[in-house]
Amino acid sequence: MSIEALNAASPAEAAQQLRQCCTSERWIAELVAARPFADAQSLKDAADTVWRGLEEADYLQAFDGHPKIGDVDSLKAKYADTKQLAAGEQAAVASATEAVITELAQGNSDYEARFGFIFIVCATGKSAADMLALLKARLPNTRAEELANAAEEQRKIFQLRLDKLL
């Protein structure tokens, strides 16, 4: 899709395209309302500006749009709009050993029980072992630290997805 096509799309169609990048409805609505964008960089800059102005509930809604890292069933079943993108982003998990996937799944459960949301990491370019190490390193953090970490990882993810969209 070109920036011109995104600008010309109906609000519903533009929202559907942006939802592939991030599932925060407020983020989507504010970007749809901000059109037209002069170019791709203007969209990406606006996406960051809107993201930084959101509240915790908006971040949690975006996090909920992700399959759990290492949860193969979740990757297959959850969020059809982002399934293809997420599968590509998490390709390194598919080649991981069963032990690492099992440990990732358990780590995700521990993380979610501790913080109230799933572990968010920009998985592109990271092996399953890398993601497991990051998960373990972040588990001792406070909830406020993890909300900030997860929000920044989500920002990286939607920036990559905006690149793919355009």
C-alpha atoms as a PDB file:
ATOM      1  CA  MET A   1       0.000   0.000   0.000  1.00  0.00           C
ATOM      2  CA  SER A   2       1.296   3.471  -0.799  1.00  0.00           C
ATOM      3  CA  ILE A   3       0.975   6.494   1.453  1.00  0.00           C
ATOM      4  CA  GLU A   4      -1.332   7.964  -1.183  1.00  0.00           C
ATOM      5  CA  ALA A   5      -3.590   4.905  -0.974  1.00  0.00           C
ATOM      6  CA  LEU A   6      -3.638   5.084   2.822  1.00  0.00           C
ATOM      7  CA  ASN A   7      -4.529   8.771   2.640  1.00  0.00           C
ATOM      8  CA  ALA A   8      -7.329   8.092   0.137  1.00  0.00           C
ATOM      9  CA  ALA A   9      -8.753   5.050   1.921  1.00  0.00           C
ATOM     10  CA  SER A  10     -12.056   5.221   3.740  1.00  0.00           C
ATOM     11  CA  PRO A  11     -11.686   5.637   7.500  1.00  0.00           C
ATOM     12  CA  ALA A  12     -12.700   1.991   8.004  1.00  0.00           C
ATOM     13  CA  GLU A  13     -10.208   0.730   5.403  1.00  0.00           C
ATOM     14  CA  ALA A  14      -7.387   2.902   6.758  1.00  0.00           C
ATOM     15  CA  ALA A  15      -8.159   1.659  10.275  1.00  0.00           C
ATOM     16  CA  GLN A  16      -8.030  -1.957   9.094  1.00  0.00           C
ATOM     17  CA  GLN A  17      -4.632  -1.397   7.480  1.00  0.00           C
ATOM     18  CA  LEU A  18      -3.227   0.313  10.577  1.00  0.00           C
ATOM     19  CA  ARG A  19      -4.668  -2.410  12.828  1.00  0.00           C
ATOM     20  CA  GLN A  20      -2.174  -4.795  11.184  1.00  0.00           C
ATOM     21  CA  CYS A  21       0.564  -2.660  12.730  1.00  0.00           C
ATOM     22  CA  CYS A  22      -0.894  -2.042  16.196  1.00  0.00           C
ATOM     23  CA  THR A  23      -4.186  -3.021  17.813  1.00  0.00           C
ATOM     24  CA  SER A  24      -4.628   0.014  20.074  1.00  0.00           C
ATOM     25  CA  GLU A  25      -7.930   1.449  18.882  1.00  0.00           C
ATOM     26  CA  ARG A  26      -7.028   4.936  20.102  1.00  0.00           C
ATOM     27  CA  TRP A  27      -3.700   4.841  18.234  1.00  0.00           C
ATOM     28  CA  ILE A  28      -5.544   3.748  15.101  1.00  0.00           C
ATOM     29  CA  ALA A  29      -8.288   6.365  15.434  1.00  0.00           C
ATOM     30  CA  GLU A  30      -5.839   9.209  15.995  1.00  0.00           C
ATOM     31  CA  LEU A  31      -3.733   8.212  12.991  1.00  0.00           C
ATOM     32  CA  VAL A  32      -6.794   7.846  10.761  1.00  0.00           C
ATOM     33  CA  ALA A  33      -7.909  11.335  11.863  1.00  0.00           C
ATOM     34  CA  ALA A  34      -4.420  12.775  11.249  1.00  0.00           C
ATOM     35  CA  ARG A  35      -4.444  11.921   7.532  1.00  0.00           C
ATOM     36  CA  PRO A  36      -3.332  12.938   4.998  1.00  0.00           C
ATOM     37  CA  PHE A  37       0.364  12.283   5.526  1.00  0.00           C
ATOM     38  CA  ALA A  38       2.922  13.932   3.252  1.00  0.00           C
ATOM     39  CA  ASP A  39       5.053  10.800   3.086  1.00  0.00           C
ATOM     40  CA  ALA A  40       5.882   7.577   4.905  1.00  0.00           C
ATOM     41  CA  GLN A  41       8.183   9.333   7.366  1.00  0.00           C
ATOM     42  CA  SER A  42       5.379  11.719   8.325  1.00  0.00           C
ATOM     43  CA  LEU A  43       3.171   8.731   9.114  1.00  0.00           C
ATOM     44  CA  LYS A  44       5.921   7.080  11.156  1.00  0.00           C
ATOM     45  CA  ASP A  45       6.578  10.294  13.074  1.00  0.00           C
ATOM     46  CA  ALA A  46       2.862  10.749  13.762  1.00  0.00           C
ATOM     47  CA  ALA A  47       2.634   7.116  14.892  1.00  0.00           C
ATOM     48  CA  ASP A  48       5.357   7.752  17.489  1.00  0.00           C
ATOM     49  CA  THR A  49       3.801  11.023  18.640  1.00  0.00           C
ATOM     50  CA  VAL A  50       0.379   9.433  19.082  1.00  0.00           C
ATOM     51  CA  TRP A  51       1.906   6.406  20.838  1.00  0.00           C
ATOM     52  CA  ARG A  52       3.738   8.533  23.377  1.00  0.00           C
ATOM     53  CA  GLY A  53       0.500  10.345  24.218  1.00  0.00           C
ATOM     54  CA  LEU A  54      -1.490   7.202  25.015  1.00  0.00           C
ATOM     55  CA  GLU A  55      -2.430   5.834  28.407  1.00  0.00           C
ATOM     56  CA  GLU A  56      -1.781   2.481  30.044  1.00  0.00           C
ATOM     57  CA  ALA A  57      -5.104   1.008  28.896  1.00  0.00           C
ATOM     58  CA  ASP A  58      -4.190   1.820  25.272  1.00  0.00           C
ATOM     59  CA  TYR A  59      -0.805   0.138  25.655  1.00  0.00           C
ATOM     60  CA  LEU A  60      -2.405  -2.942  27.223  1.00  0.00           C
ATOM     61  CA  GLN A  61      -4.870  -3.123  24.329  1.00  0.00           C
ATOM     62  CA  ALA A  62      -1.933  -3.069  21.894  1.00  0.00           C
ATOM     63  CA  PHE A  63      -0.064  -5.739  23.870  1.00  0.00           C
ATOM     64  CA  ASP A  64      -3.143  -7.950  23.776  1.00  0.00           C
ATOM     65  CA  GLY A  65      -2.867  -7.971  19.983  1.00  0.00           C
ATOM     66  CA  HIS A  66       0.270 -10.106  20.156  1.00  0.00           C
ATOM     67  CA  PRO A  67       0.648 -13.840  20.420  1.00  0.00           C
ATOM     68  CA  LYS A  68       2.825 -14.920  23.295  1.00  0.00           C
ATOM     69  CA  ILE A  69       6.429 -15.512  22.240  1.00  0.00           C
ATOM     70  CA  GLY A  70       6.920 -19.253  22.254  1.00  0.00           C
ATOM     71  CA  ASP A  71       3.193 -20.049  22.412  1.00  0.00           C
ATOM     72  CA  VAL A  72       2.814 -21.932  19.139  1.00  0.00           C
ATOM     73  CA  ASP A  73      -0.947 -22.442  19.533  1.00  0.00           C
ATOM     74  CA  SER A  74      -1.376 -18.723  20.130  1.00  0.00           C
ATOM     75  CA  LEU A  75       0.671 -17.916  17.039  1.00  0.00           C
ATOM     76  CA  LYS A  76      -1.628 -20.109  14.974  1.00  0.00           C
ATOM     77  CA  ALA A  77      -4.950 -18.989  16.420  1.00  0.00           C
ATOM     78  CA  LYS A  78      -4.803 -15.439  17.764  1.00  0.00           C
ATOM     79  CA  TYR A  79      -5.338 -12.219  15.868  1.00  0.00           C
ATOM     80  CA  ALA A  80      -5.734 -13.110  12.237  1.00  0.00           C
ATOM     81  CA  ASP A  81      -4.914  -9.530  11.173  1.00  0.00           C
ATOM     82  CA  THR A  82      -1.413  -9.708  12.627  1.00  0.00           C
ATOM     83  CA  LYS A  83      -0.808 -13.450  12.319  1.00  0.00           C
ATOM     84  CA  GLN A  84       1.324 -13.319   9.177  1.00  0.00           C
ATOM     85  CA  LEU A  85       3.433 -10.415  10.423  1.00  0.00           C
ATOM     86  CA  ALA A  86       3.894 -11.935  13.864  1.00  0.00           C
ATOM     87  CA  ALA A  87       4.819 -15.322  12.436  1.00  0.00           C
ATOM     88  CA  GLY A  88       7.565 -13.717  10.363  1.00  0.00           C
ATOM     89  CA  GLU A  89       8.781 -11.658  13.284  1.00  0.00           C
ATOM     90  CA  GLN A  90       8.973 -14.772  15.441  1.00  0.00           C
ATOM     91  CA  ALA A  91      10.506 -17.055  12.824  1.00  0.00           C
ATOM     92  CA  ALA A  92      13.488 -17.766  15.074  1.00  0.00           C
ATOM     93  CA  VAL A  93      11.157 -19.398  17.595  1.00  0.00           C
ATOM     94  CA  ALA A  94      10.098 -21.980  15.014  1.00  0.00           C
ATOM     95  CA  SER A  95      13.666 -23.264  14.748  1.00  0.00           C
ATOM     96  CA  ALA A  96      14.253 -23.344  18.511  1.00  0.00           C
ATOM     97  CA  THR A  97      14.580 -26.521  20.517  1.00  0.00           C
ATOM     98  CA  GLU A  98      11.546 -27.852  22.317  1.00  0.00           C
ATOM     99  CA  ALA A  99      13.282 -27.090  25.633  1.00  0.00           C
ATOM    100  CA  VAL A 100      13.752 -23.412  24.765  1.00  0.00           C
ATOM    101  CA  ILE A 101      10.144 -23.098  23.541  1.00  0.00           C
ATOM    102  CA  THR A 102       8.916 -24.738  26.739  1.00  0.00           C
ATOM    103  CA  GLU A 103      11.042 -22.380  28.834  1.00  0.00           C
ATOM    104  CA  LEU A 104       9.765 -19.394  26.828  1.00  0.00           C
ATOM    105  CA  ALA A 105       6.186 -20.473  27.392  1.00  0.00           C
ATOM    106  CA  GLN A 106       6.800 -20.876  31.143  1.00  0.00           C
ATOM    107  CA  GLY A 107       8.659 -17.563  31.285  1.00  0.00           C
ATOM    108  CA  ASN A 108       5.743 -15.874  29.554  1.00  0.00           C
ATOM    109  CA  SER A 109       3.337 -17.329  32.100  1.00  0.00           C
ATOM    110  CA  ASP A 110       5.544 -16.105  34.945  1.00  0.00           C
ATOM    111  CA  TYR A 111       5.868 -12.688  33.326  1.00  0.00           C
ATOM    112  CA  GLU A 112       2.132 -12.318  32.743  1.00  0.00           C
ATOM    113  CA  ALA A 113       1.356 -13.402  36.313  1.00  0.00           C
ATOM    114  CA  ARG A 114       3.843 -10.833  37.653  1.00  0.00           C
ATOM    115  CA  PHE A 115       2.969  -7.844  35.443  1.00  0.00           C
ATOM    116  CA  GLY A 116      -0.567  -8.468  34.187  1.00  0.00           C
ATOM    117  CA  PHE A 117       0.342  -8.438  30.480  1.00  0.00           C
ATOM    118  CA  ILE A 118       2.351 -10.634  28.140  1.00  0.00           C
ATOM    119  CA  PHE A 119       6.050 -10.226  27.456  1.00  0.00           C
ATOM    120  CA  ILE A 120       6.491  -7.859  24.504  1.00  0.00           C
ATOM    121  CA  VAL A 121       9.753  -7.828  22.606  1.00  0.00           C
ATOM    122  CA  CYS A 122      10.615  -6.785  19.080  1.00  0.00           C
ATOM    123  CA  ALA A 123      11.558 -10.295  17.966  1.00  0.00           C
ATOM    124  CA  THR A 124      12.968  -9.381  14.558  1.00  0.00           C
ATOM    125  CA  GLY A 125      16.545 -10.597  14.313  1.00  0.00           C
ATOM    126  CA  LYS A 126      16.476 -12.336  17.691  1.00  0.00           C
ATOM    127  CA  SER A 127      16.800 -16.053  18.255  1.00  0.00           C
ATOM    128  CA  ALA A 128      14.558 -17.881  20.692  1.00  0.00           C
ATOM    129  CA  ALA A 129      17.508 -18.058  23.083  1.00  0.00           C
ATOM    130  CA  ASP A 130      17.973 -14.276  22.777  1.00  0.00           C
ATOM    131  CA  MET A 131      14.296 -13.700  23.591  1.00  0.00           C
ATOM    132  CA  LEU A 132      14.475 -16.091  26.530  1.00  0.00           C
ATOM    133  CA  ALA A 133      17.510 -14.232  27.900  1.00  0.00           C
ATOM    134  CA  LEU A 134      15.690 -10.888  27.526  1.00  0.00           C
ATOM    135  CA  LEU A 135      12.614 -12.280  29.243  1.00  0.00           C
ATOM    136  CA  LYS A 136      14.681 -13.545  32.177  1.00  0.00           C
ATOM    137  CA  ALA A 137      16.534 -10.229  32.430  1.00  0.00           C
ATOM    138  CA  ARG A 138      13.281  -8.253  32.540  1.00  0.00           C
ATOM    139  CA  LEU A 139      11.426 -10.435  35.065  1.00  0.00           C
ATOM    140  CA  PRO A 140      13.003  -8.740  38.132  1.00  0.00           C
ATOM    141  CA  ASN A 141      11.857  -5.263  36.968  1.00  0.00           C
ATOM    142  CA  THR A 142       9.031  -3.295  38.521  1.00  0.00           C
ATOM    143  CA  ARG A 143       5.673  -3.151  36.756  1.00  0.00           C
ATOM    144  CA  ALA A 144       6.274   0.500  35.833  1.00  0.00           C
ATOM    145  CA  GLU A 145       9.653  -0.377  34.294  1.00  0.00           C
ATOM    146  CA  GLU A 146       8.110  -3.236  32.345  1.00  0.00           C
ATOM    147  CA  LEU A 147       5.209  -1.154  31.102  1.00  0.00           C
ATOM    148  CA  ALA A 148       7.760   1.338  29.747  1.00  0.00           C
ATOM    149  CA  ASN A 149       9.926  -1.441  28.279  1.00  0.00           C
ATOM    150  CA  ALA A 150       6.956  -3.157  26.650  1.00  0.00           C
ATOM    151  CA  ALA A 151       5.645   0.138  25.267  1.00  0.00           C
ATOM    152  CA  GLU A 152       9.014   0.847  23.658  1.00  0.00           C
ATOM    153  CA  GLU A 153       9.188  -2.656  22.202  1.00  0.00           C
ATOM    154  CA  GLN A 154       5.654  -2.214  20.837  1.00  0.00           C
ATOM    155  CA  ARG A 155       6.756   1.070  19.240  1.00  0.00           C
ATOM    156  CA  LYS A 156       9.636  -0.711  17.513  1.00  0.00           C
ATOM    157  CA  ILE A 157       7.240  -3.403  16.295  1.00  0.00           C
ATOM    158  CA  PHE A 158       4.705  -1.013  14.794  1.00  0.00           C
ATOM    159  CA  GLN A 159       7.485   0.971  13.127  1.00  0.00           C
ATOM    160  CA  LEU A 160       8.689  -2.215  11.403  1.00  0.00           C
ATOM    161  CA  ARG A 161       5.127  -3.104  10.469  1.00  0.00           C
ATOM    162  CA  LEU A 162       4.477   0.365   9.054  1.00  0.00           C
ATOM    163  CA  ASP A 163       7.538  -0.154   6.843  1.00  0.00           C
ATOM    164  CA  LYS A 164       6.086  -3.473   5.663  1.00  0.00           C
ATOM    165  CA  LEU A 165       2.647  -1.929   5.138  1.00  0.00           C
ATOM    166  CA  LEU A 166       4.032   0.783   2.903  1.00  0.00           C
END
